[in-house]
């Protein structure tokens, strides 16, 4: 029995270490080093352009930073604000959506995203969810992917310490029973944190949602301009991408009501 427990701990530690390494490399590829002198000056100049009301210039500068240095929630937030100031609602929403994927804990991004959504012609309605599902989704927003990964490692470390203390203490010693009781709880917390980190990481990389960028566009039943009209959607409307690989000029999407249709590829932009 002891061998099984120790083997489980070692396997869990190895998996979490691997996941932590992957998240670390992923974070390096999707975040910007704000401490770099060169990047800091560029960001400051972009921020100053925004403050001075030179929104188009600020947009160009933020885009250049993202293209050459990497992305972060803060950069996408600033880019979205600049787009919002130029009344480019679609690009503002795309930027805010990308920011919230990188950091679901950022309340400024969430507020601005909801504000931008309120300007859309087509109002997005949140699907009804079970209480436990809504609660779990709310909990997952407490931390970002790296923080959840670190929490998983911390919980596992505490669990390993508890099981070590359990075997060190002599039978009948106070605290031995407490260690045995707390060990599975911290293992469960570690697994849940691991799953949440993995889910957030998949959300960042999947790119399965898009924003309508055209003033209005017709969703059709087939990938053809002759297809039956399903609905007309407007700028800023968010759709789920079902298939973006089978055809070049058309993308299959799913609407809120569950209907599946086709939309011209150049009328939307993947988040």
Protein backbone atom coordinates (compact mmCIF):
# COMPACT_ATOMS: atom_id res chain seq x y z
CA UNK A 1 0.00 0.00 0.00
CA UNK A 2 2.83 2.40 0.92
CA UNK A 3 4.56 1.71 -2.37
CA UNK A 4 1.39 2.57 -4.27
CA UNK A 5 0.99 5.89 -2.44
CA UNK A 6 4.61 6.88 -2.98
CA UNK A 7 4.41 5.91 -6.66
CA UNK A 8 1.27 8.01 -7.06
CA UNK A 9 2.97 11.01 -5.48
CA UNK A 10 6.06 10.69 -7.65
CA UNK A 11 4.00 10.33 -10.84
CA UNK A 12 1.85 13.33 -9.89
CA UNK A 13 4.92 15.42 -9.15
CA UNK A 14 6.48 14.51 -12.50
CA UNK A 15 3.28 15.37 -14.38
CA UNK A 16 2.89 18.68 -12.61
CA UNK A 17 6.53 19.54 -13.18
CA UNK A 18 6.09 18.83 -16.89
CA UNK A 19 2.92 20.90 -17.02
CA UNK A 20 4.62 23.73 -15.15
CA UNK A 21 7.49 23.70 -17.62
CA UNK A 22 5.10 23.78 -20.56
CA UNK A 23 3.13 26.63 -19.03
CA UNK A 24 6.34 28.49 -18.33
CA UNK A 25 7.44 28.21 -21.95
CA UNK A 26 3.92 29.07 -23.11
CA UNK A 27 3.86 32.11 -20.85
CA UNK A 28 7.19 33.23 -22.26
CA UNK A 29 5.79 33.01 -25.78
CA UNK A 30 2.58 34.87 -25.04
CA UNK A 31 3.72 37.52 -22.58
CA UNK A 32 5.89 40.57 -22.98
CA UNK A 33 8.86 41.45 -20.80
CA UNK A 34 7.83 44.86 -19.57
CA UNK A 35 11.16 45.33 -17.77
CA UNK A 36 13.13 45.55 -21.01
CA UNK A 37 14.26 49.15 -21.56
CA UNK A 38 13.55 49.08 -25.29
CA UNK A 39 10.06 47.66 -24.93
CA UNK A 40 9.26 49.92 -21.97
CA UNK A 41 10.01 53.05 -24.00
CA UNK A 42 7.84 51.81 -26.87
CA UNK A 43 4.94 51.02 -24.55
CA UNK A 44 5.30 54.39 -22.88
CA UNK A 45 5.29 56.11 -26.26
CA UNK A 46 2.17 54.19 -27.29
CA UNK A 47 0.49 55.07 -24.00
CA UNK A 48 1.45 58.71 -24.48
CA UNK A 49 0.01 58.70 -27.99
CA UNK A 50 -3.24 57.38 -26.53
CA UNK A 51 -3.27 60.06 -23.82
CA UNK A 52 -2.63 62.73 -26.47
CA UNK A 53 -5.64 61.51 -28.44
CA UNK A 54 -3.54 60.08 -31.29
CA UNK A 55 -5.51 56.87 -31.28
CA UNK A 56 -4.57 55.66 -34.78
CA UNK A 57 -0.91 56.16 -33.95
CA UNK A 58 -1.35 54.32 -30.65
CA UNK A 59 -3.01 51.43 -32.48
CA UNK A 60 -0.07 51.11 -34.85
CA UNK A 61 2.41 51.18 -31.99
CA UNK A 62 0.56 48.60 -29.89
CA UNK A 63 0.25 46.32 -32.92
CA UNK A 64 3.97 46.64 -33.61
CA UNK A 65 4.82 45.74 -30.01
CA UNK A 66 2.53 42.70 -30.13
CA UNK A 67 3.92 41.55 -33.49
CA UNK A 68 7.58 41.92 -32.52
CA UNK A 69 7.72 41.37 -28.76
CA UNK A 70 4.76 39.17 -27.83
CA UNK A 71 1.37 39.65 -26.27
CA UNK A 72 -0.09 40.33 -22.86
CA UNK A 73 -3.52 41.10 -21.46
CA UNK A 74 -2.44 44.67 -20.71
CA UNK A 75 -1.35 45.33 -24.29
CA UNK A 76 -4.57 43.94 -25.72
CA UNK A 77 -6.56 46.02 -23.23
CA UNK A 78 -4.79 49.20 -24.35
CA UNK A 79 -5.17 48.24 -28.01
CA UNK A 80 -8.88 47.60 -27.47
CA UNK A 81 -9.28 50.98 -25.77
CA UNK A 82 -7.62 52.71 -28.73
CA UNK A 83 -9.89 50.89 -31.19
CA UNK A 84 -12.92 51.77 -29.06
CA UNK A 85 -11.96 55.44 -29.20
CA UNK A 86 -11.88 55.26 -33.01
CA UNK A 87 -15.34 53.61 -33.04
CA UNK A 88 -13.90 50.38 -34.44
CA UNK A 89 -16.17 48.21 -32.37
CA UNK A 90 -15.23 44.86 -33.91
CA UNK A 91 -11.49 45.27 -33.39
CA UNK A 92 -12.07 46.59 -29.86
CA UNK A 93 -14.06 43.47 -29.02
CA UNK A 94 -11.44 41.19 -30.58
CA UNK A 95 -8.72 42.85 -28.49
CA UNK A 96 -10.74 42.63 -25.27
CA UNK A 97 -11.63 38.99 -25.94
CA UNK A 98 -7.95 38.14 -26.47
CA UNK A 99 -7.05 39.98 -23.28
CA UNK A 100 -9.63 38.13 -21.20
CA UNK A 101 -8.33 34.80 -22.50
CA UNK A 102 -4.83 35.67 -21.33
CA UNK A 103 -5.97 36.99 -17.95
CA UNK A 104 -9.56 36.16 -16.92
CA UNK A 105 -8.92 37.85 -13.55
CA UNK A 106 -8.55 41.35 -15.03
CA UNK A 107 -11.68 43.27 -14.02
CA UNK A 108 -10.80 46.28 -16.19
CA UNK A 109 -10.79 44.08 -19.28
CA UNK A 110 -14.06 42.44 -18.29
CA UNK A 111 -15.73 45.82 -17.67
CA UNK A 112 -14.57 47.24 -21.01
CA UNK A 113 -15.61 44.06 -22.81
CA UNK A 114 -19.13 44.31 -21.42
CA UNK A 115 -19.24 48.01 -22.30
CA UNK A 116 -18.23 47.27 -25.89
CA UNK A 117 -20.76 44.45 -26.12
CA UNK A 118 -23.51 46.86 -25.08
CA UNK A 119 -22.80 48.88 -28.23
CA UNK A 120 -23.49 45.92 -30.53
CA UNK A 121 -26.70 45.71 -32.56
CA UNK A 122 -27.03 41.99 -31.81
CA UNK A 123 -27.11 41.37 -28.08
CA UNK A 124 -25.39 38.24 -26.88
CA UNK A 125 -27.31 36.21 -24.32
CA UNK A 126 -25.47 33.94 -21.93
CA UNK A 127 -26.67 30.31 -22.08
CA UNK A 128 -28.42 28.90 -19.04
CA UNK A 129 -26.03 26.81 -16.97
CA UNK A 130 -26.43 24.53 -14.01
CA UNK A 131 -25.53 26.12 -10.68
CA UNK A 132 -22.48 23.91 -10.26
CA UNK A 133 -21.26 24.75 -13.79
CA UNK A 134 -21.71 28.48 -13.27
CA UNK A 135 -19.98 28.25 -9.89
CA UNK A 136 -17.03 26.32 -11.33
CA UNK A 137 -16.68 28.83 -14.18
CA UNK A 138 -16.67 31.70 -11.70
CA UNK A 139 -14.04 30.00 -9.55
CA UNK A 140 -11.82 29.40 -12.59
CA UNK A 141 -11.63 33.16 -13.17
CA UNK A 142 -9.99 33.76 -9.80
CA UNK A 143 -6.52 33.10 -11.27
CA UNK A 144 -4.87 32.91 -14.67
CA UNK A 145 -3.26 29.82 -16.21
CA UNK A 146 0.18 30.29 -14.64
CA UNK A 147 -1.30 30.95 -11.20
CA UNK A 148 -3.46 27.82 -11.39
CA UNK A 149 -0.42 25.80 -12.44
CA UNK A 150 1.54 27.13 -9.48
CA UNK A 151 -1.39 26.39 -7.15
CA UNK A 152 -1.43 22.79 -8.39
CA UNK A 153 2.25 22.42 -7.50
CA UNK A 154 1.79 24.03 -4.08
CA UNK A 155 -1.17 21.79 -3.21
CA UNK A 156 0.76 18.70 -4.28
CA UNK A 157 3.79 19.79 -2.26
CA UNK A 158 1.63 20.20 0.86
CA UNK A 159 0.08 16.77 0.23
CA UNK A 160 3.53 15.20 -0.04
CA UNK A 161 4.60 16.90 3.19
CA UNK A 162 1.48 15.62 4.95
CA UNK A 163 2.07 12.02 3.90
CA UNK A 164 5.70 12.28 5.00
CA UNK A 165 4.65 13.57 8.41
CA UNK A 166 2.07 10.80 8.61
CA UNK A 167 4.73 8.10 8.27
CA UNK A 168 7.19 9.89 10.56
CA UNK A 169 4.72 10.17 13.44
CA UNK A 170 4.45 7.13 15.65
CA UNK A 171 1.11 5.30 15.86
CA UNK A 172 -1.30 7.04 18.17
CA UNK A 173 0.48 10.41 18.01
CA UNK A 174 -1.69 13.49 17.74
CA UNK A 175 -1.86 14.84 14.21
CA UNK A 176 -1.40 11.50 12.49
CA UNK A 177 -5.11 11.18 11.80
CA UNK A 178 -5.30 14.81 10.68
CA UNK A 179 -2.54 14.23 8.12
CA UNK A 180 -4.37 11.19 6.76
CA UNK A 181 -7.57 13.23 6.49
CA UNK A 182 -5.97 16.29 4.83
CA UNK A 183 -3.83 14.36 2.34
CA UNK A 184 -6.64 13.42 -0.11
CA UNK A 185 -8.12 16.91 0.16
CA UNK A 186 -4.91 18.58 -1.00
CA UNK A 187 -4.48 15.94 -3.71
CA UNK A 188 -7.99 16.80 -4.92
CA UNK A 189 -7.21 20.54 -4.86
CA UNK A 190 -4.05 19.86 -6.85
CA UNK A 191 -5.91 17.86 -9.49
CA UNK A 192 -8.66 20.50 -9.78
CA UNK A 193 -6.08 23.28 -10.14
CA UNK A 194 -4.27 21.23 -12.76
CA UNK A 195 -7.49 20.69 -14.73
CA UNK A 196 -8.40 24.40 -14.53
CA UNK A 197 -4.94 25.44 -15.74
CA UNK A 198 -5.19 22.99 -18.63
CA UNK A 199 -8.64 24.27 -19.59
CA UNK A 200 -7.49 27.88 -19.62
CA UNK A 201 -4.46 26.92 -21.69
CA UNK A 202 -6.69 25.16 -24.22
CA UNK A 203 -8.98 28.20 -24.38
CA UNK A 204 -5.99 30.37 -25.33
CA UNK A 205 -4.79 28.05 -28.08
CA UNK A 206 -8.02 26.73 -29.60
CA UNK A 207 -9.18 29.90 -31.40
CA UNK A 208 -12.70 28.54 -31.78
CA UNK A 209 -14.57 31.86 -31.53
CA UNK A 210 -14.71 34.80 -33.92
CA UNK A 211 -16.10 38.33 -34.13
CA UNK A 212 -18.07 39.67 -37.08
CA UNK A 213 -16.06 42.58 -38.55
CA UNK A 214 -18.41 43.63 -41.36
CA UNK A 215 -21.26 46.09 -40.68
CA UNK A 216 -23.68 43.25 -41.48
CA UNK A 217 -23.38 39.79 -42.97
CA UNK A 218 -25.77 37.02 -43.92
CA UNK A 219 -25.34 33.59 -42.39
CA UNK A 220 -26.30 30.97 -44.99
CA UNK A 221 -27.25 27.31 -44.85
CA UNK A 222 -24.56 26.30 -47.34
CA UNK A 223 -21.10 27.70 -48.20
CA UNK A 224 -22.43 29.63 -51.16
CA UNK A 225 -23.91 33.04 -51.83
CA UNK A 226 -26.92 31.16 -53.18
CA UNK A 227 -27.50 29.33 -49.91
CA UNK A 228 -30.64 29.87 -47.90
CA UNK A 229 -30.48 32.87 -45.61
CA UNK A 230 -30.55 31.84 -41.95
CA UNK A 231 -30.02 35.17 -40.19
CA UNK A 232 -28.30 38.52 -40.64
CA UNK A 233 -25.73 39.40 -37.97
CA UNK A 234 -23.94 42.67 -37.41
CA UNK A 235 -20.55 44.04 -36.43
CA UNK A 236 -19.28 42.79 -33.09
CA UNK A 237 -21.41 39.65 -32.95
CA UNK A 238 -19.55 36.68 -31.46
CA UNK A 239 -19.87 33.29 -33.13
CA UNK A 240 -18.45 29.84 -32.43
CA UNK A 241 -16.26 28.48 -35.21
CA UNK A 242 -17.18 24.92 -36.13
CA UNK A 243 -14.99 24.43 -39.20
CA UNK A 244 -12.37 26.77 -40.62
CA UNK A 245 -10.23 24.33 -42.57
CA UNK A 246 -12.40 22.60 -45.16
CA UNK A 247 -13.09 25.69 -47.28
CA UNK A 248 -11.01 28.82 -47.86
CA UNK A 249 -13.70 31.39 -48.55
CA UNK A 250 -16.33 30.17 -46.10
CA UNK A 251 -16.30 29.27 -42.39
CA UNK A 252 -18.88 27.12 -40.66
CA UNK A 253 -20.19 28.71 -37.49
CA UNK A 254 -22.64 27.93 -34.71
CA UNK A 255 -25.16 30.49 -33.48
CA UNK A 256 -26.53 30.98 -29.97
CA UNK A 257 -29.75 29.16 -30.82
CA UNK A 258 -27.80 26.09 -31.88
CA UNK A 259 -28.25 26.59 -35.60
CA UNK A 260 -25.19 25.94 -37.76
CA UNK A 261 -24.50 28.04 -40.83
CA UNK A 262 -21.81 29.39 -43.11
CA UNK A 263 -20.30 32.85 -43.24
CA UNK A 264 -17.75 34.39 -45.59
CA UNK A 265 -14.26 34.12 -44.14
CA UNK A 266 -13.33 37.74 -44.73
CA UNK A 267 -16.37 38.93 -42.79
CA UNK A 268 -15.12 37.65 -39.44
CA UNK A 269 -11.86 37.51 -37.50
CA UNK A 270 -10.81 34.65 -35.26
CA UNK A 271 -10.21 35.66 -31.65
